[in-house]
Each structure stands twice: as C-alpha cells, then as structure tokens.
Amino acid sequence: MGKQQTLNGTVIMEKKKHLGSVFYDEQELLRAVIDIHCKTEIELDPMFNKGMFYKTRNIEIPKYKFDLDPIEGVEKGDATNLVSIRNNQIETMILDPPFLFGIHGKTENNVCSKRYTIIPTFNDLKNLYIEIIKESQRVLKKNGILIFKCQDYTDSKTTMTHCYVYCWALANGFYAKDLCLLVKENKISNPNTKQRHFRKVHSYFWVFQKIKEVSANSSQQ
C-alpha cells in the first residue's frame, strides 16, 4: 500500500513504485521477492552456511535451517536428503549452492575458492543441483516457492549455469515465476591478465513455483 498525502483536506494515496529486477543489496532483493511472490517468510534454508541472507534481520531467520557443517543453532543436514522434513510441508524455501567447479591449476588457491566450496567437475555440480531441486520438489507444498541463487562461471570458458538451473527445475515440476539479479561490482580481479570474457559481477535469483508432483522414478535430468 502507498503512503497517504493530504492536499486541501483531501487524502490522496501515493502509489508505491514498482521494483525493477536488478538489485545492489541482497537483503533488499530477498525482501522484494518475499513480498511479491511468497505467502510466508522463508521457512526452510537447507544450505544455511553462516546465515548471511539474514544478517540485517530484514529477512527473518528460517524455522528450519540445516548445513553439512553447521554453526551453533543450525541442525546438521543434507539438502539432497532432508529426512526430518515431510512431503509437501514447506511453503517457501531458499537454496544457495556452491557455483565454482573444476579444481586445476591455481583454482584451489583462488580467494573465492577458499571462501566457498569448490565442486570437482561440472558433472558433479549438475548432479548436486538436480538432487537439491528434486528434494525441494518433495518438501514444498503445491504452489510453494523455491528461491534459487546461482551464478554463471567463467574459467577457460563460460558456463551459463543459470540456464541449466532453469531447465533442471522445469524438468522436475517447477514453473519459472520470476528472475532477478544481484550486482556486486567490487569483485576481485587480476589487472595483469588479458581479458577474454566479461567479468561476472552478478548472480541470479530464480523464483520457482512448484506446479506438479514429480515422483522419484519419473523426475528428469
């Protein structure tokens, strides 16, 4: 609802400005996604890590939070097999999987590689992403929302990961309801290297809606 203004004794409602799809603040982006698309706050985060999505408390900390290597207050759990979550239990959830893959050369010592888990190969990344999408499909209610953060990756070549995520989600019972971008321009780079690709200074937040049940036997890859 917009703000109220008074003009000559008459109350005038100022229309709320429509939001664009590009954001420079992660909490602002998530707040907008929740307000526009979700019936509830985020209920489940099975890849909680250090909880950076919730650092300003503008986004409520989820009731259910898991991680393979949990910090205090977070339950140990695997996003591919959430044994304590029932079928069709969750209204809104979020996934933030690792996006780096391919251990070779100096990749292992890269600053970003040290901060985030690096997956050995693209095939390993594919298998992980498909499995967490399948498990999300299981635990979400009909029309429930999955927020999926992902990022394209350029090494010797560019992998458009967000396109793969779109295909894998649609093949497993989801509808791509929306997409927005988070821009972080201050990423570390080496000025001495010759530039052969555009620097990836943005990540994607897919908003997927579960539109049908897909059994384990019939889900697609």
Protein backbone atom coordinates (compact mmCIF):
# COMPACT_ATOMS: atom_id res chain seq x y z
CA MET A 1 0.00 0.00 0.00
CA GLY A 2 1.24 3.52 -0.79
CA LYS A 3 1.75 6.47 1.54
CA GLN A 4 -1.05 8.88 2.43
CA GLN A 5 -0.75 12.56 1.43
CA THR A 6 -3.18 15.37 2.13
CA LEU A 7 -3.98 18.06 -0.42
CA ASN A 8 -6.51 20.78 0.54
CA GLY A 9 -8.02 18.44 3.10
CA THR A 10 -8.36 15.56 0.63
CA VAL A 11 -6.44 12.35 1.35
CA ILE A 12 -4.52 11.16 -1.71
CA MET A 13 -2.88 7.75 -1.86
CA GLU A 14 0.59 7.83 -3.38
CA LYS A 15 1.16 4.70 -5.47
CA LYS A 16 4.07 2.50 -4.42
CA LYS A 17 6.85 2.48 -7.01
CA HIS A 18 7.20 -0.79 -8.90
CA LEU A 19 10.51 -2.52 -8.32
CA GLY A 20 12.92 -3.40 -11.10
CA SER A 21 14.67 -6.76 -11.46
CA VAL A 22 18.22 -5.56 -10.68
CA PHE A 23 19.38 -5.06 -7.08
CA TYR A 24 22.62 -3.98 -5.41
CA ASP A 25 21.70 -5.18 -1.91
CA GLU A 26 20.96 -8.84 -1.19
CA GLN A 27 18.60 -8.25 1.72
CA GLU A 28 16.62 -5.72 -0.32
CA LEU A 29 16.35 -8.26 -3.14
CA LEU A 30 15.14 -11.05 -0.86
CA ARG A 31 12.67 -8.74 0.86
CA ALA A 32 11.20 -7.83 -2.53
CA VAL A 33 10.99 -11.48 -3.64
CA ILE A 34 9.21 -12.47 -0.43
CA ASP A 35 6.81 -9.52 -0.58
CA ILE A 36 5.90 -10.08 -4.23
CA HIS A 37 5.90 -13.86 -4.56
CA CYS A 38 5.69 -15.63 -1.20
CA LYS A 39 2.83 -16.39 1.16
CA THR A 40 5.25 -16.71 4.08
CA GLU A 41 8.74 -15.72 5.11
CA ILE A 42 11.47 -18.21 4.20
CA GLU A 43 10.64 -21.32 6.21
CA LEU A 44 13.50 -23.59 5.14
CA ASP A 45 17.16 -22.95 4.33
CA PRO A 46 18.99 -26.30 4.00
CA MET A 47 22.27 -24.64 2.92
CA PHE A 48 22.41 -22.08 5.72
CA ASN A 49 26.21 -21.70 5.92
CA LYS A 50 26.80 -18.65 8.16
CA GLY A 51 23.33 -17.19 7.59
CA MET A 52 24.43 -14.15 5.57
CA PHE A 53 20.97 -13.84 3.99
CA TYR A 54 19.67 -12.85 7.42
CA LYS A 55 22.50 -10.66 8.71
CA THR A 56 20.43 -7.44 8.90
CA ARG A 57 17.33 -9.15 10.28
CA ASN A 58 15.38 -7.54 7.43
CA ILE A 59 14.80 -11.18 6.47
CA GLU A 60 13.55 -13.47 9.22
CA ILE A 61 15.74 -16.44 10.14
CA PRO A 62 14.00 -19.61 8.90
CA LYS A 63 12.31 -22.01 11.28
CA TYR A 64 14.14 -24.92 9.61
CA LYS A 65 17.85 -24.43 8.89
CA PHE A 66 20.46 -27.05 8.05
CA ASP A 67 24.03 -27.31 6.84
CA LEU A 68 26.58 -30.06 6.21
CA ASP A 69 28.98 -28.25 8.55
CA PRO A 70 26.57 -26.33 10.81
CA ILE A 71 27.35 -23.39 13.05
CA GLU A 72 25.79 -23.16 16.51
CA GLY A 73 21.99 -23.14 16.38
CA VAL A 74 21.84 -24.84 12.98
CA GLU A 75 20.98 -28.53 12.56
CA LYS A 76 23.28 -30.84 10.63
CA GLY A 77 21.57 -31.90 7.43
CA ASP A 78 21.96 -32.62 3.73
CA ALA A 79 19.95 -30.53 1.23
CA THR A 80 19.65 -33.59 -1.00
CA ASN A 81 18.03 -35.67 1.74
CA LEU A 82 16.08 -33.66 4.34
CA VAL A 83 14.95 -36.62 6.42
CA SER A 84 13.25 -34.51 9.10
CA ILE A 85 11.07 -32.59 6.62
CA ARG A 86 7.83 -34.23 5.45
CA ASN A 87 6.49 -34.33 1.91
CA ASN A 88 4.54 -31.17 0.98
CA GLN A 89 5.39 -29.46 4.29
CA ILE A 90 7.09 -26.21 3.23
CA GLU A 91 5.59 -23.07 1.70
CA THR A 92 8.78 -21.10 1.00
CA MET A 93 12.44 -22.17 0.86
CA ILE A 94 15.79 -20.99 -0.46
CA LEU A 95 18.86 -22.70 -1.93
CA ASP A 96 22.33 -21.20 -2.22
CA PRO A 97 24.61 -23.98 -3.54
CA PRO A 98 28.31 -23.61 -4.45
CA PHE A 99 28.83 -22.37 -8.01
CA LEU A 100 32.57 -22.89 -8.53
CA PHE A 101 33.69 -26.10 -10.19
CA GLY A 102 36.83 -27.55 -11.76
CA ILE A 103 39.87 -27.95 -9.49
CA HIS A 104 43.01 -27.38 -11.56
CA GLY A 105 45.96 -25.05 -11.81
CA LYS A 106 45.69 -22.20 -9.32
CA THR A 107 41.93 -22.56 -8.87
CA GLU A 108 42.40 -24.22 -5.49
CA ASN A 109 44.19 -21.15 -4.13
CA ASN A 110 41.72 -18.61 -5.54
CA VAL A 111 40.30 -16.26 -2.87
CA CYS A 112 36.74 -17.14 -3.83
CA SER A 113 37.57 -20.85 -3.86
CA LYS A 114 38.80 -20.68 -0.29
CA ARG A 115 35.69 -18.88 0.89
CA TYR A 116 33.19 -21.11 -0.88
CA THR A 117 33.17 -24.84 -1.58
CA ILE A 118 34.54 -25.73 -5.00
CA ILE A 119 32.99 -28.71 -6.81
CA PRO A 120 35.42 -31.00 -8.69
CA THR A 121 33.64 -31.11 -12.08
CA PHE A 122 30.62 -29.71 -13.88
CA ASN A 123 29.05 -33.16 -13.83
CA ASP A 124 29.34 -33.15 -10.03
CA LEU A 125 27.71 -29.72 -9.95
CA LYS A 126 24.94 -30.96 -12.25
CA ASN A 127 24.23 -33.97 -10.03
CA LEU A 128 24.17 -31.83 -6.88
CA TYR A 129 21.85 -29.22 -8.39
CA ILE A 130 19.42 -31.80 -9.74
CA GLU A 131 19.29 -33.63 -6.42
CA ILE A 132 18.60 -30.48 -4.38
CA ILE A 133 15.92 -29.44 -6.87
CA LYS A 134 14.28 -32.88 -6.58
CA GLU A 135 14.35 -32.70 -2.79
CA SER A 136 12.87 -29.19 -2.88
CA GLN A 137 10.09 -30.51 -5.09
CA ARG A 138 9.37 -33.20 -2.50
CA VAL A 139 9.18 -30.96 0.57
CA LEU A 140 7.36 -27.99 -0.99
CA LYS A 141 3.58 -27.68 -0.95
CA LYS A 142 1.69 -27.33 -4.23
CA ASN A 143 2.37 -23.78 -5.50
CA GLY A 144 5.16 -23.43 -2.93
CA ILE A 145 8.10 -21.17 -3.78
CA LEU A 146 11.75 -22.13 -4.23
CA ILE A 147 14.23 -19.23 -4.33
CA PHE A 148 17.39 -20.50 -6.03
CA LYS A 149 20.57 -18.41 -6.05
CA CYS A 150 23.08 -19.29 -8.77
CA GLN A 151 25.90 -17.75 -10.74
CA ASP A 152 27.49 -18.28 -14.14
CA TYR A 153 31.14 -19.24 -14.09
CA THR A 154 33.99 -18.29 -16.40
CA ASP A 155 37.25 -20.21 -16.24
CA SER A 156 38.81 -21.12 -19.59
CA LYS A 157 35.27 -20.89 -20.95
CA THR A 158 31.91 -19.62 -19.72
CA THR A 159 29.25 -21.93 -18.30
CA MET A 160 25.80 -20.33 -18.25
CA THR A 161 24.76 -22.13 -15.09
CA HIS A 162 21.53 -20.17 -14.64
CA CYS A 163 20.26 -21.60 -17.97
CA TYR A 164 20.92 -25.15 -16.78
CA VAL A 165 19.17 -24.46 -13.47
CA TYR A 166 16.12 -23.22 -15.39
CA CYS A 167 15.97 -26.44 -17.45
CA TRP A 168 16.52 -28.76 -14.49
CA ALA A 169 13.82 -27.03 -12.44
CA LEU A 170 11.25 -27.14 -15.25
CA ALA A 171 12.00 -30.82 -15.87
CA ASN A 172 11.22 -31.52 -12.21
CA GLY A 173 7.82 -29.93 -11.75
CA PHE A 174 8.59 -26.23 -11.36
CA TYR A 175 7.43 -23.11 -13.17
CA ALA A 176 9.92 -20.24 -13.57
CA LYS A 177 7.84 -17.48 -12.00
CA ASP A 178 10.47 -14.75 -11.95
CA LEU A 179 14.15 -13.89 -12.10
CA CYS A 180 16.16 -11.05 -10.60
CA LEU A 181 19.84 -10.10 -10.48
CA LEU A 182 22.15 -9.11 -7.67
CA VAL A 183 25.07 -6.94 -8.80
CA LYS A 184 28.37 -6.75 -6.90
CA GLU A 185 30.84 -4.72 -8.91
CA ASN A 186 33.71 -4.81 -6.41
CA LYS A 187 34.79 -8.36 -7.19
CA ILE A 188 38.49 -9.17 -7.02
CA SER A 189 40.33 -9.37 -10.36
CA ASN A 190 43.89 -9.52 -11.61
CA PRO A 191 44.63 -6.42 -13.74
CA ASN A 192 47.68 -8.12 -15.27
CA THR A 193 45.69 -10.82 -17.07
CA LYS A 194 44.32 -10.31 -20.58
CA GLN A 195 40.53 -10.09 -20.52
CA ARG A 196 38.83 -12.67 -22.74
CA HIS A 197 35.36 -12.65 -21.17
CA PHE A 198 33.17 -10.13 -19.38
CA ARG A 199 33.67 -10.28 -15.63
CA LYS A 200 30.69 -11.91 -13.93
CA VAL A 201 29.67 -9.26 -11.39
CA HIS A 202 26.12 -10.52 -10.91
CA SER A 203 24.32 -13.55 -9.54
CA TYR A 204 20.81 -14.76 -10.31
CA PHE A 205 17.88 -15.40 -8.00
CA TRP A 206 15.35 -17.67 -9.67
CA VAL A 207 11.83 -17.76 -8.25
CA PHE A 208 10.43 -21.20 -9.00
CA GLN A 209 6.90 -22.33 -8.16
CA LYS A 210 6.04 -26.00 -7.68
CA ILE A 211 3.17 -26.70 -10.06
CA LYS A 212 3.02 -30.50 -10.08
CA GLU A 213 4.16 -33.57 -8.20
CA VAL A 214 7.01 -35.49 -9.76
CA SER A 215 7.82 -38.94 -8.44
CA ALA A 216 11.41 -40.03 -7.91
CA ASN A 217 11.06 -42.50 -10.76
CA SER A 218 9.67 -40.02 -13.27
CA SER A 219 11.73 -36.90 -12.44
CA GLN A 220 14.01 -35.83 -15.26
CA GLN A 221 17.61 -34.78 -15.58
